[in-house]
Amino acid sequence: MTLAFDGVLFFPVTPFDAAGRVDTGLLGEHIAGRLGYGPGGVFPACGTGEFHALSTAEIARVVAVAVETVGGRMPVIAGSGGGLGDALETARSAADAGADGLLLLPPALVTGTADGLIAWVETIAETAALPVIVYHRGTAGYTPDAIRRLAAHPLVAGFKDGTGDIGRTQEIVLAAGEIARTTGRPLAFFNGLLTAELTQGAYRGIGVPLYSSAAFAMIPEVAALHYRACANGDESVRLALLDGFYRPLVALRDETPGFGVSLVKAGLRLRGLPVGGVRPPLVDPTPEQERRLAGILERGLELAAELGGAAGTGADAVGAASAKAGAGADAAGAAADGSASTAGPGADAAGRPTASAPAARVGR
């Protein structure tokens, strides 16, 4: 099986209510409000969705909501992996929900041989009968030879690099290409580093055009524009977004371990979507850090408005979305995906009336 993605890869957060429970209603709103910005796929219950902090039952609910909300418009790739028992449970529930594939996060705690890692991947894939994307990081270190063997398996469909080792990733891309010439099934490769936009120029150079974007969950106006600039080879727009938005965001992120998720949730709250905080061991930003994040988001929206026309327009409504940056809502997304909710200057990031929204907000 193959998986095809045409657009930035969207990793939703998992909202929690005041009691700390998964808020499935808000999750559906969060996902629906981003679909009109042209994501190539939706990846629920993965790293940005706090896979590490969810029970298998919670993961099943999150994936089911994502599948229902997306409604077949693009692939839904569910988070799985970790210990084999939990991985098999989440893989089965994802298949039952109608997910299109699995992203296999590394095994928990242990590092095995290449043979053991391959057996782990194949066992999960065959149990779910779904295509899988392997995640190269931590305890899941795949050699070029291991990828040759996995690429020959009909259910292995992709490779996500989370190591940042460009040389090794290039070797793996070439190794998989050798097998694809025989099978006719190329793997989907993507950059899975934190704030992948910062390194995507290098990854495109070795044949990895796709990347995961946590920022898309928080500020799709900027993230979609960046993806379009990469796809079109528009270096002036790409570099302006890196300098004006992504580099300041990364500097703030690097102040505290685990902030890759914490800042995304804080950004959503600043934009009017009450997704709650993160679960331990992650921590939320301080009020002072949130104030700086608000400034970064404001600048990002300004850049999207300024640069949107320079990047052109298209059927995926990226140009339209960027032109509306700062209106504080996903009006372009609601219009493009045909949803009943209509957002605008009087609505929050999920398209809901602002009467009950927090007073402080970004992009209004």
Protein backbone atom coordinates (compact mmCIF):
# COMPACT_ATOMS: atom_id res chain seq x y z
CA MET A 1 0.00 0.00 0.00
CA THR A 2 1.06 3.59 -0.56
CA LEU A 3 0.12 6.80 1.21
CA ALA A 4 -0.05 10.04 -0.76
CA PHE A 5 0.11 13.44 0.92
CA ASP A 6 -0.33 16.78 -0.85
CA GLY A 7 0.12 19.54 1.68
CA VAL A 8 1.52 20.31 5.10
CA LEU A 9 1.03 17.50 7.63
CA PHE A 10 -1.35 18.53 10.43
CA PHE A 11 -0.76 17.22 13.96
CA PRO A 12 -3.72 18.30 16.13
CA VAL A 13 -3.44 18.92 19.86
CA THR A 14 -5.62 16.90 22.24
CA PRO A 15 -7.87 19.34 24.16
CA PHE A 16 -8.59 18.70 27.83
CA ASP A 17 -11.54 20.09 29.77
CA ALA A 18 -11.42 21.70 33.23
CA ALA A 19 -11.46 18.24 34.83
CA GLY A 20 -8.52 17.07 32.72
CA ARG A 21 -10.60 14.79 30.47
CA VAL A 22 -10.27 14.65 26.69
CA ASP A 23 -12.71 17.16 25.19
CA THR A 24 -13.83 15.38 22.03
CA GLY A 25 -16.23 18.14 21.01
CA LEU A 26 -13.49 20.76 21.08
CA LEU A 27 -11.15 18.36 19.28
CA GLY A 28 -13.62 18.12 16.42
CA GLU A 29 -13.85 21.91 16.23
CA HIS A 30 -10.06 22.24 16.30
CA ILE A 31 -9.63 19.81 13.40
CA ALA A 32 -12.53 21.18 11.34
CA GLY A 33 -11.20 24.71 11.69
CA ARG A 34 -7.93 23.75 9.99
CA LEU A 35 -9.10 21.63 7.06
CA GLY A 36 -9.68 24.54 4.70
CA TYR A 37 -6.02 25.52 4.88
CA GLY A 38 -5.09 22.51 2.77
CA PRO A 39 -3.34 19.98 5.04
CA GLY A 40 -2.07 16.91 3.23
CA GLY A 41 -2.99 14.61 6.13
CA VAL A 42 -4.22 14.67 9.71
CA PHE A 43 -2.22 12.86 12.42
CA PRO A 44 -4.28 12.58 15.64
CA ALA A 45 -2.87 11.26 18.93
CA CYS A 46 0.75 11.67 17.91
CA GLY A 47 3.48 13.78 19.51
CA THR A 48 1.65 17.12 19.37
CA GLY A 49 -1.48 15.30 20.54
CA GLU A 50 0.34 14.07 23.69
CA PHE A 51 0.34 10.39 22.73
CA HIS A 52 2.67 9.73 25.65
CA ALA A 53 0.08 11.03 28.14
CA LEU A 54 -3.06 9.35 26.76
CA SER A 55 -4.56 6.00 27.70
CA THR A 56 -5.30 3.54 24.91
CA ALA A 57 -9.02 4.25 25.38
CA GLU A 58 -8.42 7.99 25.02
CA ILE A 59 -6.34 7.43 21.90
CA ALA A 60 -9.18 5.42 20.40
CA ARG A 61 -11.65 8.25 21.05
CA VAL A 62 -9.31 10.90 19.65
CA VAL A 63 -8.74 8.92 16.45
CA ALA A 64 -12.46 8.22 16.01
CA VAL A 65 -13.26 11.95 16.27
CA ALA A 66 -10.56 12.79 13.73
CA VAL A 67 -11.81 10.22 11.23
CA GLU A 68 -15.40 11.42 11.59
CA THR A 69 -14.42 15.10 11.29
CA VAL A 70 -12.18 14.67 8.27
CA GLY A 71 -14.79 12.58 6.49
CA GLY A 72 -12.44 11.10 3.90
CA ARG A 73 -11.19 14.43 2.54
CA MET A 74 -7.57 13.55 3.31
CA PRO A 75 -5.68 10.68 4.99
CA VAL A 76 -5.98 10.27 8.75
CA ILE A 77 -2.87 8.65 10.23
CA ALA A 78 -3.32 7.57 13.85
CA GLY A 79 -0.62 7.52 16.49
CA SER A 80 0.42 4.07 17.68
CA GLY A 81 3.57 2.40 18.96
CA GLY A 82 5.23 2.26 22.34
CA GLY A 83 5.01 -1.07 24.16
CA LEU A 84 3.80 -3.87 21.91
CA GLY A 85 0.64 -4.63 23.90
CA ASP A 86 -0.56 -1.02 23.82
CA ALA A 87 0.58 -0.66 20.21
CA LEU A 88 -1.56 -3.59 19.11
CA GLU A 89 -4.55 -2.19 21.00
CA THR A 90 -4.27 1.28 19.48
CA ALA A 91 -3.60 -0.18 16.04
CA ARG A 92 -6.78 -2.27 16.20
CA SER A 93 -8.88 0.64 17.45
CA ALA A 94 -7.53 2.88 14.67
CA ALA A 95 -8.47 0.28 12.08
CA ASP A 96 -11.94 -0.08 13.61
CA ALA A 97 -12.40 3.71 13.47
CA GLY A 98 -11.53 3.82 9.78
CA ALA A 99 -8.08 5.44 9.97
CA ASP A 100 -6.02 5.31 6.79
CA GLY A 101 -2.75 4.36 8.45
CA LEU A 102 -0.54 4.43 11.54
CA LEU A 103 2.44 6.48 12.65
CA LEU A 104 4.54 4.13 14.79
CA LEU A 105 6.16 6.02 17.65
CA PRO A 106 9.27 4.25 19.03
CA PRO A 107 9.05 1.23 21.35
CA ALA A 108 8.96 2.06 25.05
CA LEU A 109 12.17 1.89 27.12
CA VAL A 110 13.96 -0.87 25.21
CA THR A 111 16.23 -0.94 22.19
CA GLY A 112 16.38 -4.19 20.24
CA THR A 113 18.29 -5.44 17.23
CA ALA A 114 17.35 -4.55 13.68
CA ASP A 115 15.60 -7.92 13.39
CA GLY A 116 13.59 -7.21 16.53
CA LEU A 117 12.61 -3.72 15.38
CA ILE A 118 11.50 -5.04 12.00
CA ALA A 119 9.42 -7.75 13.70
CA TRP A 120 7.82 -5.08 15.95
CA VAL A 121 6.81 -3.00 12.91
CA GLU A 122 5.50 -5.95 10.94
CA THR A 123 3.51 -7.34 13.88
CA ILE A 124 1.68 -4.04 14.42
CA ALA A 125 1.07 -3.45 10.71
CA GLU A 126 -0.26 -6.95 10.10
CA THR A 127 -2.48 -6.85 13.19
CA ALA A 128 -4.20 -3.67 11.99
CA ALA A 129 -3.94 -4.45 8.27
CA LEU A 130 -3.10 -0.76 7.81
CA PRO A 131 -0.17 0.95 6.12
CA VAL A 132 2.38 2.22 8.64
CA ILE A 133 4.89 5.05 8.78
CA VAL A 134 7.95 4.29 10.89
CA TYR A 135 9.36 7.04 13.11
CA HIS A 136 13.17 7.13 13.16
CA ARG A 137 14.23 8.43 16.59
CA GLY A 138 15.09 7.30 20.11
CA THR A 139 14.75 3.55 20.54
CA ALA A 140 13.68 3.14 16.92
CA GLY A 141 16.90 3.63 14.98
CA TYR A 142 16.48 2.22 11.48
CA THR A 143 19.55 1.39 9.39
CA PRO A 144 19.50 1.63 5.59
CA ASP A 145 19.44 -2.17 5.43
CA ALA A 146 16.47 -2.34 7.83
CA ILE A 147 14.61 0.14 5.63
CA ARG A 148 15.38 -1.93 2.54
CA ARG A 149 13.74 -4.90 4.24
CA LEU A 150 10.79 -2.90 5.55
CA ALA A 151 10.23 -1.13 2.22
CA ALA A 152 9.64 -4.54 0.66
CA HIS A 153 6.75 -5.17 3.06
CA PRO A 154 3.41 -4.23 1.45
CA LEU A 155 2.15 -2.45 4.58
CA VAL A 156 5.19 -0.24 5.22
CA ALA A 157 4.38 3.05 3.52
CA GLY A 158 6.51 5.81 5.00
CA PHE A 159 9.47 7.04 7.03
CA LYS A 160 9.56 10.01 9.41
CA ASP A 161 12.97 11.25 10.50
CA GLY A 162 13.24 12.67 14.00
CA THR A 163 17.03 12.49 14.36
CA GLY A 164 18.21 15.40 12.24
CA ASP A 165 21.00 13.24 10.81
CA ILE A 166 20.83 14.42 7.20
CA GLY A 167 23.58 12.08 6.01
CA ARG A 168 21.95 8.94 7.40
CA THR A 169 18.53 10.04 6.16
CA GLN A 170 19.96 10.50 2.66
CA GLU A 171 21.30 6.93 2.80
CA ILE A 172 17.87 5.68 3.88
CA VAL A 173 16.08 7.59 1.10
CA LEU A 174 18.40 6.04 -1.47
CA ALA A 175 18.06 2.56 0.04
CA ALA A 176 14.27 2.75 -0.06
CA GLY A 177 14.44 4.00 -3.63
CA GLU A 178 16.28 0.84 -4.66
CA ILE A 179 13.39 -1.28 -3.38
CA ALA A 180 10.73 1.02 -4.87
CA ARG A 181 12.14 0.44 -8.33
CA THR A 182 11.28 -3.23 -7.86
CA THR A 183 8.00 -2.98 -5.97
CA GLY A 184 6.59 0.14 -7.62
CA ARG A 185 5.67 1.41 -4.12
CA PRO A 186 7.77 4.42 -3.10
CA LEU A 187 7.82 5.32 0.59
CA ALA A 188 6.53 8.68 1.76
CA PHE A 189 9.40 10.48 3.49
CA PHE A 190 9.02 13.42 5.83
CA ASN A 191 10.96 15.60 8.20
CA GLY A 192 9.73 15.09 11.76
CA LEU A 193 12.02 17.39 13.71
CA LEU A 194 10.61 19.89 16.18
CA THR A 195 9.51 23.01 14.28
CA ALA A 196 10.46 21.21 11.09
CA GLU A 197 10.07 24.40 9.06
CA LEU A 198 13.49 25.52 10.32
CA THR A 199 15.27 22.54 8.72
CA GLN A 200 13.00 21.79 5.76
CA GLY A 201 15.25 23.51 3.24
CA ALA A 202 17.96 20.94 3.98
CA TYR A 203 15.52 18.01 3.88
CA ARG A 204 14.12 19.05 0.49
CA GLY A 205 17.67 18.90 -0.79
CA ILE A 206 17.91 15.16 -0.07
CA GLY A 207 14.52 14.24 -1.52
CA VAL A 208 12.26 14.71 1.52
CA PRO A 209 9.55 17.19 0.45
CA LEU A 210 7.09 16.59 3.30
CA TYR A 211 7.26 17.69 6.93
CA SER A 212 5.18 17.63 10.07
CA SER A 213 4.02 21.00 11.35
CA ALA A 214 2.96 21.55 14.95
CA ALA A 215 2.66 25.25 14.09
CA PHE A 216 -0.15 24.43 11.63
CA ALA A 217 -2.36 23.47 14.58
CA MET A 218 -1.78 26.89 16.16
CA ILE A 219 -1.37 29.32 13.27
CA PRO A 220 -2.33 27.73 9.93
CA GLU A 221 -2.17 31.08 8.15
CA VAL A 222 1.61 31.06 8.53
CA ALA A 223 2.21 27.30 8.29
CA ALA A 224 0.24 26.87 5.07
CA LEU A 225 1.98 29.86 3.52
CA HIS A 226 5.38 28.42 4.45
CA TYR A 227 4.51 25.06 2.87
CA ARG A 228 3.37 26.78 -0.31
CA ALA A 229 6.58 28.81 -0.44
CA CYS A 230 8.62 25.60 -0.11
CA ALA A 231 6.61 23.84 -2.80
CA ASN A 232 6.93 26.78 -5.20
CA GLY A 233 10.59 27.45 -4.47
CA ASP A 234 9.77 30.94 -3.21
CA GLU A 235 12.85 31.56 -1.08
CA SER A 236 12.04 35.17 -0.28
CA VAL A 237 8.75 34.22 1.40
CA ARG A 238 10.22 31.14 3.09
CA LEU A 239 13.15 33.05 4.56
CA ALA A 240 10.97 35.96 5.67
CA LEU A 241 8.75 33.55 7.60
CA LEU A 242 11.76 31.81 9.13
CA ASP A 243 13.32 35.08 10.29
CA GLY A 244 10.14 36.82 11.40
CA PHE A 245 8.19 33.95 12.95
CA TYR A 246 9.83 30.54 13.21
CA ARG A 247 13.22 31.55 14.62
CA PRO A 248 11.68 33.61 17.47
CA LEU A 249 9.26 30.75 18.15
CA VAL A 250 12.12 28.23 18.35
CA ALA A 251 14.09 30.52 20.68
CA LEU A 252 11.11 30.61 23.05
CA ARG A 253 10.53 26.87 22.69
CA ASP A 254 14.11 26.06 23.60
CA GLU A 255 13.83 27.80 26.98
CA THR A 256 11.97 24.86 28.52
CA PRO A 257 12.07 21.10 27.75
CA GLY A 258 8.87 19.84 26.14
CA PHE A 259 7.68 23.26 25.03
CA GLY A 260 7.05 22.05 21.48
CA VAL A 261 3.55 21.02 22.58
CA SER A 262 3.06 23.48 25.44
CA LEU A 263 3.48 26.54 23.21
CA VAL A 264 1.07 25.21 20.59
CA LYS A 265 -1.63 24.75 23.21
CA ALA A 266 -0.89 28.17 24.69
CA GLY A 267 -1.12 29.70 21.22
CA LEU A 268 -4.50 28.12 20.63
CA ARG A 269 -5.74 29.49 23.95
CA LEU A 270 -4.45 32.94 23.01
CA ARG A 271 -6.42 32.68 19.77
CA GLY A 272 -9.62 31.84 21.60
CA LEU A 273 -9.75 28.04 21.57
CA PRO A 274 -9.81 26.78 25.20
CA VAL A 275 -7.86 23.54 24.69
CA GLY A 276 -6.58 23.37 28.27
CA GLY A 277 -3.01 22.80 29.35
CA VAL A 278 -0.59 19.93 28.91
CA ARG A 279 -0.42 16.82 31.07
CA PRO A 280 2.63 16.09 33.24
CA PRO A 281 5.53 15.75 32.86
CA LEU A 282 5.14 18.63 30.37
CA VAL A 283 4.55 22.09 31.84
CA ASP A 284 2.67 25.13 30.59
CA PRO A 285 4.33 28.47 29.81
CA THR A 286 4.55 31.17 32.44
CA PRO A 287 2.43 34.33 31.97
CA GLU A 288 5.54 36.18 30.83
CA GLN A 289 6.30 33.50 28.23
CA GLU A 290 2.70 33.62 27.03
CA ARG A 291 3.01 37.37 26.54
CA ARG A 292 6.07 36.85 24.36
CA LEU A 293 4.27 34.10 22.46
CA ALA A 294 1.39 36.49 21.81
CA GLY A 295 3.83 38.93 20.23
CA ILE A 296 5.33 36.20 18.03
CA LEU A 297 1.87 35.14 16.86
CA GLU A 298 0.88 38.73 16.09
CA ARG A 299 4.01 39.15 13.99
CA GLY A 300 3.33 35.86 12.22
CA LEU A 301 -0.16 36.98 11.27
CA GLU A 302 1.19 40.30 10.02
CA LEU A 303 3.72 38.48 7.85
CA ALA A 304 1.07 36.13 6.47
CA ALA A 305 -1.08 39.11 5.50
CA GLU A 306 1.87 40.91 3.91
CA LEU A 307 3.32 37.92 2.08
CA GLY A 308 0.21 35.96 1.13
CA GLY A 309 -0.18 37.69 -2.21
CA ALA A 310 3.49 37.24 -3.00
CA ALA A 311 3.11 33.47 -2.66
CA GLY A 312 0.15 33.35 -5.03
CA THR A 313 -3.26 31.78 -4.65
CA GLY A 314 -4.61 28.31 -5.31
CA ALA A 315 -7.50 25.92 -4.97
CA ASP A 316 -6.40 24.92 -1.49
CA ALA A 317 -7.30 28.44 -0.28
CA VAL A 318 -3.87 29.03 1.21
CA GLY A 319 -3.72 32.46 -0.37
CA ALA A 320 -7.19 33.32 0.85
CA ALA A 321 -6.39 32.09 4.32
CA SER A 322 -3.27 34.18 4.48
CA ALA A 323 -5.10 37.29 3.29
CA LYS A 324 -7.50 36.87 6.18
CA ALA A 325 -4.74 36.49 8.77
CA GLY A 326 -5.48 38.59 11.80
CA ALA A 327 -9.25 38.25 11.50
CA GLY A 328 -8.96 35.71 14.31
CA ALA A 329 -10.94 32.92 12.66
CA ASP A 330 -10.80 30.15 10.10
CA ALA A 331 -13.28 31.75 7.71
CA ALA A 332 -11.38 30.55 4.66
CA GLY A 333 -11.20 27.05 6.11
CA ALA A 334 -14.91 26.90 6.85
CA ALA A 335 -15.74 28.10 3.35
CA ALA A 336 -13.35 25.72 1.63
CA ASP A 337 -14.30 22.58 3.51
CA GLY A 338 -18.04 23.19 3.24
CA SER A 339 -18.65 23.19 6.99
CA ALA A 340 -21.77 24.78 8.40
CA SER A 341 -19.81 26.95 10.82
CA THR A 342 -18.90 30.38 9.45
CA ALA A 343 -16.10 32.29 11.14
CA GLY A 344 -15.18 35.92 10.79
CA PRO A 345 -14.25 38.98 12.79
CA GLY A 346 -16.95 38.12 15.34
CA ALA A 347 -15.87 34.52 15.83
CA ASP A 348 -13.03 32.66 17.51
CA ALA A 349 -10.51 30.24 15.99
CA ALA A 350 -13.12 27.49 15.89
CA GLY A 351 -15.77 29.67 14.28
CA ARG A 352 -17.79 30.19 17.47
CA PRO A 353 -19.22 33.52 18.71
CA THR A 354 -16.76 35.51 20.79
CA ALA A 355 -19.13 36.56 23.56
CA SER A 356 -17.80 33.91 25.95
CA ALA A 357 -14.19 34.07 24.72
CA PRO A 358 -11.28 35.31 26.86
CA ALA A 359 -10.61 39.03 26.76
CA ALA A 360 -6.95 38.64 25.77
CA ARG A 361 -6.45 37.13 22.38
CA VAL A 362 -4.24 37.10 19.31
CA GLY A 363 -5.29 37.69 15.73
CA ARG A 364 -8.63 39.28 16.44
